[in-house]
Protein backbone atom coordinates (compact mmCIF):
# COMPACT_ATOMS: atom_id res chain seq x y z
CA MET A 1 -10.24 -30.10 -23.50
CA GLN A 2 -10.24 -27.34 -20.91
CA GLY A 3 -11.29 -28.09 -17.35
CA LEU A 4 -10.06 -29.02 -13.86
CA ASP A 5 -8.76 -32.34 -12.58
CA MET A 6 -8.81 -33.67 -9.05
CA GLY A 7 -5.83 -34.21 -6.84
CA GLN A 8 -2.86 -34.74 -9.09
CA GLU A 9 -1.59 -33.78 -12.54
CA ASN A 10 -3.22 -36.77 -14.24
CA GLY A 11 -6.23 -36.97 -11.97
CA GLU A 12 -9.85 -37.53 -12.87
CA ARG A 13 -11.54 -34.77 -14.87
CA ILE A 14 -14.20 -32.80 -12.95
CA GLU A 15 -17.46 -32.65 -14.88
CA SER A 16 -19.90 -30.61 -12.78
CA ALA A 17 -20.64 -29.01 -9.42
CA GLU A 18 -23.32 -31.62 -8.75
CA GLU A 19 -20.76 -34.40 -9.20
CA MET A 20 -18.41 -32.74 -6.72
CA LEU A 21 -21.21 -32.11 -4.24
CA ALA A 22 -22.17 -35.79 -4.34
CA LEU A 23 -18.53 -36.81 -3.86
CA PHE A 24 -18.18 -34.44 -0.92
CA TYR A 25 -21.36 -35.82 0.66
CA ALA A 26 -20.07 -39.37 0.28
CA GLN A 27 -16.85 -38.38 2.03
CA LEU A 28 -18.70 -36.42 4.69
CA VAL A 29 -21.20 -39.03 5.93
CA PRO A 30 -18.63 -41.36 7.58
CA LYS A 31 -17.02 -38.38 9.29
CA VAL A 32 -20.29 -37.30 10.89
CA THR A 33 -20.47 -40.55 12.88
CA LEU A 34 -16.93 -39.99 14.15
CA TRP A 35 -17.69 -36.40 15.06
CA LYS A 36 -20.80 -37.45 17.02
CA GLN A 37 -18.76 -39.96 19.02
CA ARG A 38 -15.98 -37.44 19.60
CA ILE A 39 -18.26 -34.70 20.95
CA SER A 40 -20.06 -37.27 23.10
CA ASP A 41 -16.83 -38.56 24.66
CA HIS A 42 -15.04 -35.20 24.94
CA PRO A 43 -17.48 -32.25 24.97
CA GLU A 44 -14.69 -30.05 26.32
CA GLN A 45 -12.92 -30.35 22.95
CA LEU A 46 -15.66 -28.53 21.06
CA ALA A 47 -13.32 -25.73 19.92
CA THR A 48 -10.98 -28.22 18.20
CA LEU A 49 -13.89 -30.12 16.69
CA GLU A 50 -15.41 -26.93 15.34
CA ARG A 51 -12.21 -26.13 13.46
CA THR A 52 -12.04 -29.67 12.11
CA ILE A 53 -15.60 -29.45 10.77
CA HIS A 54 -15.03 -26.02 9.25
CA ASP A 55 -11.88 -27.30 7.54
CA ALA A 56 -13.86 -30.21 6.10
CA PHE A 57 -16.55 -27.93 4.73
CA ALA A 58 -13.92 -25.56 3.34
CA ARG A 59 -12.61 -28.53 1.37
CA GLY A 60 -16.16 -29.26 0.23
CA ALA A 61 -16.57 -25.64 -0.84
CA ASP A 62 -13.41 -25.89 -2.92
CA MET A 63 -14.73 -29.03 -4.58
CA VAL A 64 -18.01 -27.34 -5.52
CA VAL A 65 -16.19 -24.25 -6.81
CA ALA A 66 -13.90 -26.48 -8.88
CA GLY A 67 -16.97 -28.16 -10.36
CA LEU A 68 -18.46 -24.78 -11.28
CA ILE A 69 -15.22 -23.62 -12.89
CA SER A 70 -14.71 -26.86 -14.84
CA ALA A 71 -18.30 -26.87 -16.12
CA THR A 72 -18.03 -23.24 -17.20
CA MET A 73 -14.78 -23.82 -19.10
CA ILE A 74 -16.42 -26.22 -21.58
CA GLU A 75 -19.29 -23.88 -22.50
CA LYS A 76 -19.28 -22.28 -25.95
CA GLY A 77 -19.91 -18.84 -24.51
CA PHE A 78 -16.79 -19.18 -22.37
CA GLU A 79 -14.69 -20.03 -25.41
CA LYS A 80 -15.95 -16.89 -27.15
CA ALA A 81 -15.09 -14.80 -24.08
CA CYS A 82 -11.56 -16.23 -24.09
CA GLN A 83 -11.07 -15.40 -27.75
CA SER A 84 -12.43 -11.90 -27.18
CA SER A 85 -9.93 -11.39 -24.34
CA ARG A 86 -7.10 -12.63 -26.54
CA VAL A 87 -8.00 -10.36 -29.44
CA ASN A 88 -8.59 -7.28 -27.28
CA PHE A 89 -5.58 -7.77 -25.00
CA SER A 90 -3.30 -4.75 -24.94
CA ARG A 91 -0.41 -6.84 -26.32
CA PRO A 92 -0.82 -8.94 -29.51
CA LEU A 93 -1.08 -12.61 -28.55
CA GLN A 94 -0.73 -15.87 -30.43
CA LYS A 95 -3.77 -18.12 -30.85
CA GLY A 96 -2.56 -20.14 -27.92
CA ARG A 97 -2.32 -23.72 -26.76
CA GLU A 98 -3.69 -25.74 -23.90
CA THR A 99 -1.31 -26.13 -20.95
CA ARG A 100 -1.46 -27.83 -17.57
CA VAL A 101 -1.13 -25.60 -14.53
CA ALA A 102 -1.67 -26.21 -10.81
CA VAL A 103 -4.15 -23.90 -9.11
CA ARG A 104 -5.29 -23.50 -5.51
CA LEU A 105 -8.70 -22.37 -4.32
CA LEU A 106 -9.72 -20.50 -1.17
CA GLY A 107 -9.84 -23.59 1.06
CA GLY A 108 -6.29 -24.51 0.07
CA MET A 109 -7.15 -27.49 -2.19
CA LEU A 110 -4.90 -28.06 -5.19
CA PHE A 111 -6.38 -28.81 -8.62
CA TRP A 112 -4.83 -29.19 -12.06
CA ALA A 113 -6.30 -26.98 -14.77
CA THR A 114 -6.11 -27.57 -18.50
CA ALA A 115 -6.27 -23.96 -19.64
CA LEU A 116 -5.57 -21.87 -22.73
CA TYR A 117 -2.25 -20.01 -22.63
CA CYS A 118 -1.50 -17.39 -25.28
CA ALA A 119 2.11 -16.29 -25.65
CA PRO A 120 3.07 -12.88 -27.10
CA LYS A 121 3.42 -12.79 -30.84
CA LYS A 122 6.95 -13.64 -31.92
CA LYS A 123 7.58 -10.28 -33.55
CA LEU A 124 7.46 -8.71 -30.05
CA LEU A 125 10.12 -11.00 -28.64
CA GLY A 126 13.73 -9.89 -28.57
CA ARG A 127 13.09 -6.14 -28.92
CA ASP A 128 14.80 -5.49 -25.58
CA ASP A 129 16.00 -7.33 -22.52
CA SER A 130 12.69 -7.05 -20.65
CA PRO A 131 10.65 -10.25 -20.34
CA ARG A 132 7.50 -10.56 -22.42
CA VAL A 133 4.79 -12.54 -20.71
CA GLY A 134 1.62 -13.85 -22.23
CA LEU A 135 -1.75 -14.59 -20.68
CA HIS A 136 -3.53 -17.65 -19.29
CA VAL A 137 -6.69 -16.52 -21.05
CA SER A 138 -9.01 -19.12 -19.51
CA LEU A 139 -7.91 -18.51 -15.93
CA ALA A 140 -7.92 -14.75 -16.44
CA GLN A 141 -11.67 -14.89 -17.05
CA PHE A 142 -12.09 -15.93 -13.41
CA GLY A 143 -9.53 -13.44 -12.06
CA PHE A 144 -6.85 -16.01 -11.16
CA GLY A 145 -3.44 -14.78 -10.14
CA LYS A 146 -0.35 -16.94 -10.63
CA GLY A 147 -1.63 -20.35 -9.58
CA VAL A 148 -4.17 -19.06 -7.03
CA SER A 149 -7.82 -18.11 -7.12
CA PRO A 150 -8.65 -14.44 -6.52
CA ALA A 151 -10.24 -15.20 -3.14
CA LEU A 152 -7.18 -17.13 -1.92
CA GLU A 153 -4.80 -14.43 -3.12
CA SER A 154 -6.92 -11.82 -1.35
CA ARG A 155 -7.06 -13.86 1.86
CA VAL A 156 -3.32 -14.51 2.01
CA ALA A 157 -2.34 -10.93 1.14
CA ARG A 158 -4.70 -9.51 3.78
CA GLN A 159 -3.41 -11.92 6.41
CA VAL A 160 0.23 -11.07 5.71
CA ALA A 161 -0.53 -7.35 5.70
CA LEU A 162 -2.48 -7.46 8.97
CA CYS A 163 -0.17 -9.77 10.95
CA PRO A 164 3.15 -8.52 12.40
CA SER A 165 5.17 -10.94 10.26
CA ILE A 166 4.88 -13.51 7.48
CA GLU A 167 5.57 -16.28 10.02
CA VAL A 168 2.58 -15.27 12.14
CA ALA A 169 0.39 -14.94 9.04
CA HIS A 170 1.44 -18.43 7.93
CA ARG A 171 0.53 -19.84 11.35
CA GLU A 172 -2.90 -18.22 11.25
CA LEU A 173 -3.60 -19.49 7.75
CA VAL A 174 -2.66 -23.05 8.74
CA ARG A 175 -4.86 -22.72 11.81
CA ASP A 176 -7.74 -21.77 9.50
CA GLY A 177 -7.16 -24.84 7.34
CA ILE A 178 -5.15 -23.23 4.52
CA THR A 179 -2.05 -25.40 4.53
CA LEU A 180 0.34 -23.46 2.34
CA ASP A 181 4.11 -23.49 2.54
CA ILE A 182 5.48 -20.30 4.13
CA LYS A 183 7.34 -19.51 0.89
CA ALA A 184 4.04 -19.75 -1.00
CA VAL A 185 2.41 -17.40 1.51
CA LYS A 186 5.19 -14.88 0.97
CA ARG A 187 5.03 -15.21 -2.82
CA ILE A 188 1.26 -14.78 -2.96
CA ALA A 189 1.31 -11.71 -0.70
CA TYR A 190 3.99 -9.95 -2.70
CA GLN A 191 2.31 -11.06 -5.93
CA SER A 192 -0.80 -9.16 -4.86
CA GLY A 193 1.21 -6.03 -4.06
CA ASP A 194 3.07 -6.36 -7.36
CA GLY A 195 -0.24 -6.52 -9.24
CA LEU A 196 -1.61 -3.44 -7.47
CA LEU A 197 1.59 -1.54 -8.29
CA ARG A 198 1.31 -2.50 -11.97
CA LEU A 199 -2.29 -1.32 -11.96
CA ARG A 200 -1.12 2.00 -10.49
CA ARG A 201 1.56 2.37 -13.16
CA HIS A 202 -1.06 1.70 -15.84
CA ARG A 203 -3.27 4.44 -14.40
CA LEU A 204 -0.33 6.84 -14.34
CA LYS A 205 0.37 6.11 -17.99
CA LEU A 206 -3.26 6.82 -18.90
CA PHE A 207 -3.18 9.95 -16.74
CA ARG A 208 -0.16 11.32 -18.60
CA GLN A 209 -1.84 10.58 -21.92
CA GLY A 210 -5.04 12.30 -20.84
CA LYS A 211 -7.00 9.04 -21.13
CA LEU A 212 -7.65 8.25 -17.44
CA ALA A 213 -11.39 8.29 -16.82
CA SER A 214 -12.82 10.09 -13.80
CA THR A 215 -15.13 8.26 -11.40
CA GLY A 216 -16.80 11.51 -10.29
CA GLU A 217 -16.56 10.31 -6.68
CA LEU A 218 -15.50 13.75 -5.37
CA ALA A 219 -17.85 15.87 -7.50
CA GLY A 220 -19.48 18.56 -5.38
CA LYS A 221 -17.59 17.46 -2.24
CA ARG A 222 -15.30 19.35 0.13
CA VAL A 223 -12.01 17.53 -0.35
CA SER A 224 -8.93 17.38 1.86
CA VAL A 225 -5.49 16.28 0.67
CA GLN A 226 -2.79 15.54 3.23
CA ILE A 227 0.81 14.45 2.59
CA ASP A 228 3.59 13.38 4.94
CA GLY A 229 6.54 11.02 5.30
CA GLY A 230 7.14 8.05 7.60
CA ARG A 231 10.17 5.98 8.51
CA MET A 232 11.25 2.42 7.88
CA LYS A 233 14.48 0.47 7.50
CA ILE A 234 15.65 -0.68 4.08
CA ARG A 235 18.06 -3.55 3.74
CA GLY A 236 21.20 -2.79 1.74
CA LYS A 237 24.08 -4.83 0.37
CA MET A 238 25.60 -7.76 2.25
CA LEU A 239 28.71 -7.07 4.32
CA THR A 240 31.77 -9.25 4.67
CA ALA A 241 31.64 -11.39 7.82
CA SER A 242 34.16 -10.62 10.55
CA THR A 243 36.89 -13.23 11.18
CA SER A 244 37.51 -12.26 14.82
CA ASN A 245 37.49 -15.19 17.29
CA ALA A 246 37.76 -13.21 20.51
CA SER A 247 35.48 -14.35 23.33
CA SER A 248 32.54 -12.20 24.23
CA ASP A 249 33.82 -11.66 27.80
CA ASP A 250 37.25 -10.67 26.52
CA VAL A 251 35.71 -8.10 24.27
CA ALA A 252 33.46 -6.78 27.01
CA GLN A 253 36.04 -6.67 29.85
CA GLY A 254 39.32 -6.34 27.96
CA GLN A 255 40.89 -9.28 29.89
CA ALA A 256 42.69 -11.84 27.77
CA ASP A 257 42.74 -14.59 30.42
CA SER A 258 39.22 -14.21 31.85
CA PRO A 259 36.86 -17.18 31.60
CA GLY A 260 33.64 -16.73 29.71
CA ARG A 261 31.49 -17.84 26.82
CA SER A 262 33.10 -17.95 23.41
CA ALA A 263 31.73 -15.52 20.93
CA LYS A 264 29.56 -17.11 18.30
CA LYS A 265 30.87 -17.23 14.78
CA PRO A 266 29.75 -13.89 13.33
CA ALA A 267 26.91 -14.20 10.86
CA ARG A 268 26.83 -12.30 7.61
CA SER A 269 25.14 -8.96 7.97
CA PHE A 270 23.99 -6.19 5.68
CA GLU A 271 23.74 -2.45 5.56
CA ALA A 272 20.45 -0.97 6.77
CA ASP A 273 19.39 2.64 6.53
CA TRP A 274 16.30 4.50 7.60
CA ARG A 275 14.24 5.62 4.62
CA GLU A 276 11.24 7.93 4.43
CA PRO A 277 8.28 6.45 2.56
CA LYS A 278 5.96 9.21 1.38
CA LEU A 279 2.23 8.83 2.03
CA MET A 280 -0.88 10.72 0.90
CA THR A 281 -4.53 10.58 1.84
CA ILE A 282 -7.54 12.12 0.13
CA PHE A 283 -10.84 12.31 1.99
CA VAL A 284 -14.11 14.23 2.14
CA HIS A 285 -14.81 16.65 5.01
CA ASP A 286 -18.04 18.30 6.09
CA GLU A 287 -18.91 21.98 6.60
CA GLN A 288 -17.21 21.94 10.02
CA GLY A 289 -13.96 20.54 8.63
CA ARG A 290 -14.48 17.06 10.07
CA MET A 291 -13.86 13.91 8.05
CA VAL A 292 -17.00 12.29 6.63
CA LYS A 293 -16.76 8.73 7.96
CA GLU A 294 -19.25 7.34 5.45
CA HIS A 295 -16.90 8.20 2.58
CA GLU A 296 -13.84 5.97 2.45
CA ALA A 297 -10.51 7.75 2.14
CA THR A 298 -8.00 7.07 -0.63
CA ILE A 299 -4.47 6.29 0.56
CA ASP A 300 -1.34 5.73 -1.50
CA GLY A 301 2.37 5.76 -0.81
CA THR A 302 5.79 5.15 -2.30
CA LEU A 303 9.48 5.05 -1.48
CA THR A 304 10.37 6.55 -4.86
CA GLY A 305 10.57 10.15 -3.61
CA PRO A 306 8.69 13.47 -3.36
CA ASP A 307 8.11 13.88 -7.10
CA ALA A 308 6.52 10.43 -7.20
CA ILE A 309 4.08 11.06 -4.35
CA ALA A 310 3.17 14.46 -5.81
CA GLU A 311 2.34 12.92 -9.18
CA LEU A 312 0.33 10.20 -7.45
CA VAL A 313 -1.69 12.88 -5.64
CA ALA A 314 -2.42 14.61 -8.94
CA MET A 315 -3.39 11.31 -10.59
CA HIS A 316 -5.76 10.28 -7.79
CA LEU A 317 -7.37 13.73 -7.65
CA HIS A 318 -8.07 13.53 -11.37
CA ARG A 319 -9.23 9.90 -11.18
CA LEU A 320 -11.67 10.65 -8.34
CA GLY A 321 -13.12 13.72 -10.07
CA ALA A 322 -11.69 16.49 -7.87
CA ALA A 323 -11.93 18.88 -10.85
CA GLU A 324 -15.66 19.02 -10.08
CA ALA A 325 -15.26 19.30 -6.30
CA HIS A 326 -16.68 22.13 -4.18
CA SER A 327 -13.18 22.86 -2.81
CA VAL A 328 -9.82 21.16 -2.33
CA THR A 329 -7.72 21.83 0.78
CA PHE A 330 -4.06 20.84 1.10
CA VAL A 331 -2.94 20.35 4.72
CA ALA A 332 0.57 19.30 5.75
CA ASP A 333 3.47 20.10 8.03
CA GLY A 334 6.16 22.57 7.02
CA ALA A 335 8.29 20.25 4.88
CA PRO A 336 9.44 22.26 1.83
CA TRP A 337 9.30 19.16 -0.41
CA ILE A 338 5.52 19.16 0.03
CA TRP A 339 4.70 22.82 -0.52
CA ASP A 340 7.10 23.22 -3.45
CA ARG A 341 4.96 20.74 -5.39
CA ILE A 342 1.41 21.89 -4.60
CA ASP A 343 1.13 24.23 -7.61
CA ARG A 344 2.15 21.45 -10.01
CA ILE A 345 -0.35 19.09 -8.38
CA ILE A 346 -3.10 21.67 -8.93
CA GLN A 347 -2.01 22.14 -12.54
CA TYR A 348 -1.76 18.44 -13.47
CA ALA A 349 -4.94 17.46 -11.61
CA GLY A 350 -6.93 20.12 -13.48
CA LEU A 351 -7.92 22.07 -10.36
CA THR A 352 -7.29 25.54 -11.77
CA SER A 353 -11.02 26.33 -11.73
CA VAL A 354 -11.62 24.80 -8.29
CA VAL A 355 -11.34 26.76 -5.01
CA THR A 356 -8.14 25.51 -3.33
CA HIS A 357 -6.69 26.22 0.10
CA GLN A 358 -3.25 25.61 1.59
CA VAL A 359 -3.05 25.12 5.36
CA LEU A 360 -0.04 24.58 7.59
CA ASP A 361 -0.97 22.10 10.31
CA CYS A 362 -1.69 24.20 13.40
CA CYS A 363 0.13 21.87 15.80
CA HIS A 364 3.31 22.07 13.71
CA ALA A 365 3.09 25.86 13.58
CA VAL A 366 2.69 26.07 17.37
CA HIS A 367 5.59 23.64 17.82
CA HIS A 368 7.88 26.00 15.90
CA VAL A 369 6.77 28.87 18.13
CA SER A 370 7.81 26.70 21.08
CA LYS A 371 11.20 26.06 19.48
CA ALA A 372 11.68 29.76 18.89
CA ILE A 373 10.98 30.55 22.55
CA ALA A 374 13.30 27.73 23.67
CA SER A 375 16.13 29.26 21.61
CA LEU A 376 16.01 32.41 23.78
CA GLY A 377 17.46 30.63 26.83
CA LEU A 378 14.81 31.96 29.23
CA ASP A 379 13.64 30.39 32.50
CA ALA A 380 11.05 27.63 32.29
CA ASP A 381 8.26 29.71 33.89
CA VAL A 382 8.87 32.60 31.50
CA ARG A 383 8.97 30.26 28.52
CA GLN A 384 5.69 28.64 29.52
CA GLY A 385 3.93 32.00 29.84
CA LEU A 386 5.21 33.21 26.47
CA TYR A 387 4.29 29.91 24.84
CA ARG A 388 0.66 30.10 25.99
CA GLN A 389 0.40 33.75 24.91
CA TYR A 390 1.88 33.23 21.43
CA ARG A 391 0.00 29.97 20.88
CA THR A 392 -3.28 31.83 21.37
CA LEU A 393 -2.18 34.66 19.09
CA LEU A 394 -1.10 32.25 16.37
CA ARG A 395 -4.37 30.35 16.52
CA ASN A 396 -6.18 33.66 16.19
CA GLY A 397 -4.31 34.42 12.97
CA GLN A 398 -1.96 37.08 14.44
CA TRP A 399 1.22 35.48 13.19
CA ARG A 400 2.83 38.83 12.29
CA ARG A 401 2.52 40.01 15.89
CA VAL A 402 4.04 36.74 17.08
CA VAL A 403 6.97 37.15 14.69
CA ASP A 404 7.55 40.80 15.65
CA GLU A 405 7.49 40.11 19.38
CA LEU A 406 9.75 37.07 19.06
CA ALA A 407 12.27 39.15 17.11
CA GLY A 408 12.24 41.81 19.84
CA LEU A 409 12.82 39.49 22.79
CA GLU A 410 16.20 39.47 24.48
CA ARG A 411 18.34 36.36 24.14
CA VAL A 412 20.22 35.00 27.15
CA GLY A 413 23.55 33.55 26.04
CA LYS A 414 22.09 31.95 22.93
CA SER A 415 22.90 32.22 19.23
CA ALA A 416 20.41 34.10 17.07
CA THR A 417 20.60 31.52 14.27
CA GLU A 418 17.97 29.13 15.62
CA LEU A 419 15.52 31.94 16.42
CA GLU A 420 15.96 33.42 12.95
CA THR A 421 15.28 29.98 11.42
CA GLU A 422 11.98 29.65 13.30
CA ILE A 423 10.93 33.22 12.47
CA HIS A 424 11.70 32.61 8.80
CA TYR A 425 9.59 29.42 8.96
CA LEU A 426 6.57 31.34 10.32
CA CYS A 427 7.01 34.21 7.86
CA ARG A 428 7.29 31.89 4.88
CA HIS A 429 4.05 30.08 5.65
CA GLY A 430 2.26 33.19 6.90
CA GLU A 431 2.99 35.14 3.73
CA ALA A 432 1.80 32.15 1.69
CA GLY A 433 -1.57 32.40 3.47
CA ARG A 434 -1.25 29.10 5.33
CA LEU A 435 -1.71 30.52 8.86
CA SER A 436 -5.14 32.16 8.49
CA TYR A 437 -6.74 29.84 11.03
CA PRO A 438 -9.78 32.00 11.99
CA ALA A 439 -10.78 32.24 8.32
CA TYR A 440 -10.30 28.50 7.91
CA ARG A 441 -12.51 27.71 10.87
CA ARG A 442 -15.24 30.06 9.65
CA SER A 443 -15.16 28.36 6.23
CA GLY A 444 -15.17 24.83 7.67
CA ILE A 445 -11.62 24.05 6.47
CA PRO A 446 -9.51 21.51 8.43
CA CYS A 447 -6.63 23.11 10.33
CA GLY A 448 -4.85 19.91 11.37
CA SER A 449 -3.10 17.02 9.65
CA GLY A 450 -4.35 14.34 12.03
CA ALA A 451 -5.68 12.22 9.15
CA ILE A 452 -2.27 11.73 7.53
CA GLU A 453 -0.58 11.24 10.93
CA SER A 454 -3.09 8.47 11.64
CA SER A 455 -2.50 6.99 8.18
CA ILE A 456 1.27 6.96 8.76
CA ARG A 457 0.74 5.06 12.01
CA ARG A 458 -1.79 2.57 10.62
CA VAL A 459 -0.29 1.95 7.16
CA ILE A 460 3.45 2.17 7.89
CA ASN A 461 4.31 2.10 11.59
CA LEU A 462 2.16 -0.86 12.64
CA ARG A 463 3.57 -3.17 9.96
CA LEU A 464 6.64 -1.76 8.23
CA LYS A 465 8.49 0.19 10.92
CA SER A 466 10.58 -1.53 13.58
CA ASN A 467 14.18 -1.42 14.76
CA ALA A 468 14.41 -5.16 14.13
CA MET A 469 12.60 -5.15 10.78
CA PHE A 470 14.53 -4.71 7.54
CA TRP A 471 12.90 -4.63 4.11
CA LYS A 472 14.16 -5.05 0.61
CA SER A 473 13.03 -2.03 -1.38
CA GLU A 474 10.78 -4.00 -3.73
CA ASN A 475 9.11 -5.94 -0.91
CA ALA A 476 8.58 -2.75 1.08
CA GLU A 477 6.93 -1.02 -1.88
CA GLN A 478 4.64 -4.00 -2.45
CA MET A 479 3.61 -4.32 1.21
CA LEU A 480 3.08 -0.57 1.44
CA GLN A 481 0.71 -0.80 -1.53
CA VAL A 482 -1.26 -3.68 0.00
CA ARG A 483 -1.61 -1.79 3.30
CA ALA A 484 -2.64 1.40 1.49
CA HIS A 485 -5.59 -0.41 -0.12
CA LEU A 486 -6.45 -2.48 2.96
CA ILE A 487 -6.55 0.13 5.74
CA PRO A 488 -9.15 2.51 4.19
CA ASP A 489 -11.43 -0.48 3.44
CA ARG A 490 -11.14 -0.24 -0.35
CA TRP A 491 -9.72 -3.76 -0.64
CA ASP A 492 -12.55 -5.58 -2.41
CA GLU A 493 -12.94 -2.73 -4.89
CA SER A 494 -9.20 -2.78 -5.60
CA ILE A 495 -9.04 -6.56 -6.04
CA GLY A 496 -11.90 -6.40 -8.55
CA GLU A 497 -10.08 -3.70 -10.52
CA LEU A 498 -6.88 -5.76 -10.39
CA ALA A 499 -8.63 -8.81 -11.87
CA GLU A 500 -9.98 -6.69 -14.75
CA PHE A 501 -6.53 -5.18 -15.29
CA ARG A 502 -4.85 -8.58 -15.49
CA ARG A 503 -7.45 -9.79 -17.98
CA THR A 504 -7.04 -6.85 -20.37
CA GLN A 505 -3.61 -5.25 -19.93
CA ALA A 506 -0.03 -6.46 -20.38
CA SER A 507 2.45 -5.27 -17.79
CA ASP A 508 6.04 -6.38 -17.39
CA SER A 509 7.02 -4.09 -14.51
CA TRP A 510 5.59 -1.65 -11.97
CA HIS A 511 8.63 0.63 -11.89
CA TRP A 512 8.18 4.17 -13.22
CA GLU A 513 10.03 7.45 -13.43
CA PRO A 514 8.05 10.36 -11.94
CA ARG A 515 7.73 13.69 -13.67
CA PRO A 516 9.56 16.66 -12.12
CA MET A 517 6.97 18.22 -9.81
CA SER A 518 8.89 20.86 -7.85
CA CYS A 519 8.17 24.46 -8.84
CA LYS A 520 11.76 25.36 -7.94
CA VAL A 521 13.06 23.21 -10.82
CA GLU A 522 11.95 23.97 -14.35
CA ALA A 523 11.47 20.65 -16.10
CA THR A 524 13.18 20.42 -19.47
CA ASP A 525 11.44 18.85 -22.45
CA GLN A 526 13.84 15.91 -22.28
CA GLN A 527 12.98 15.29 -18.61
CA LEU A 528 9.29 15.25 -19.38
CA ILE A 529 9.80 12.90 -22.34
CA SER A 530 11.85 10.43 -20.26
CA ALA A 531 9.26 10.57 -17.46
CA ASP A 532 6.50 9.66 -19.91
CA ASP A 533 8.30 6.54 -21.18
């Protein structure tokens, strides 16, 4: 019979929440006497005593929750819900069998659950080399992840994402009474990111099939879309350890007979390269072009490349109902990989009937004016005067005058190549209509990309970027996904959607092949077919 057992694999079956509450009370009463004596003898230790009491009540909370779960699992209505989930699951499942599985609740207590597990039907096995997983139907009704309750998974993932390292997160969890092994903390955190990535892949699949429903969240709103790239280090293949036994002082000073410390035996190392994760943010702005704080932004990112982030932008715009928006404004720096994909984003997101704007971030445009002036080799005072003059002209929309005057200035011992590059940059964006700043300001359109710069700092730099931090690609993608849901305060909404996804949809992997999104490359039919697989 389904239900939860206390303590160990063959422990006593839990019957009800009332039973567990009575058991907790019986365990609690003797402790109260000890706590009273402790606070009386050592009032200065209140902080430690407070944590002890909170830990005890967290254990009691787990016991009550276990009683509620166990009592629910034996109800007839619950059995019907399990069968409904099995029948309606996206992958055909066998009728199932009861299995024993260890589960942890939010307070860290371990229970053993007798739950219904339904394996995939045998005809699905062996079709390819990919694993075919079934479903713990009973536990899925409550939103359990692999061996953990949804609240515990959420708590651990948030802690790991917010702390500077897994070690610090583990320490904080133990301090709060959640005594998990550090390997378990790591597994749970990445498990959460893995689930969110699988949910994203599922949405992309529905989006390509034209079946992704719109929430209508952006209907009638002024919408801003900003895209940029960050930096982080990705760990590569292991390198062969050096066999050199030279002392550290010998190496440093080049003296074979000098005394000094012996060099440590070299540890195995690995290749590490800087990579550029791509990030996007979608938010609502008001009639003055300022972000509406009451409306939470949507953030997403990936290390898969520019086509991937462009398709994600299109998917999220469709999902949020941007096709019914008042206007959609794309703001970014001058990176060609961004602007080459805007037209495809508009096409795939269904924005052809929506007023759209493309804006080059004003600060980046002014920076390129500064670089153009610097390439002339003029004195600092002259450069500063020209910079202030052209900055004002550019902000007033007179980019053609800026370009003409820059081209006519005399160069002092400098090559013309750099100046021509900067002039071409300004002309390219000016002719595309991305430098019309006075018109933007009059229409209440944002002229800066501060939102995505802030998102890069908060989502990537504060957790994923460090000279001493190296990530495996999969772990980096998972942590990036957790941070992208956590920072804009959409976490609880996302965790609820993840629980529903796990209960209804089969997913063996989160990896996906993006569609070609650059307008410079005509996608062949075969490319589009392979991207849809």
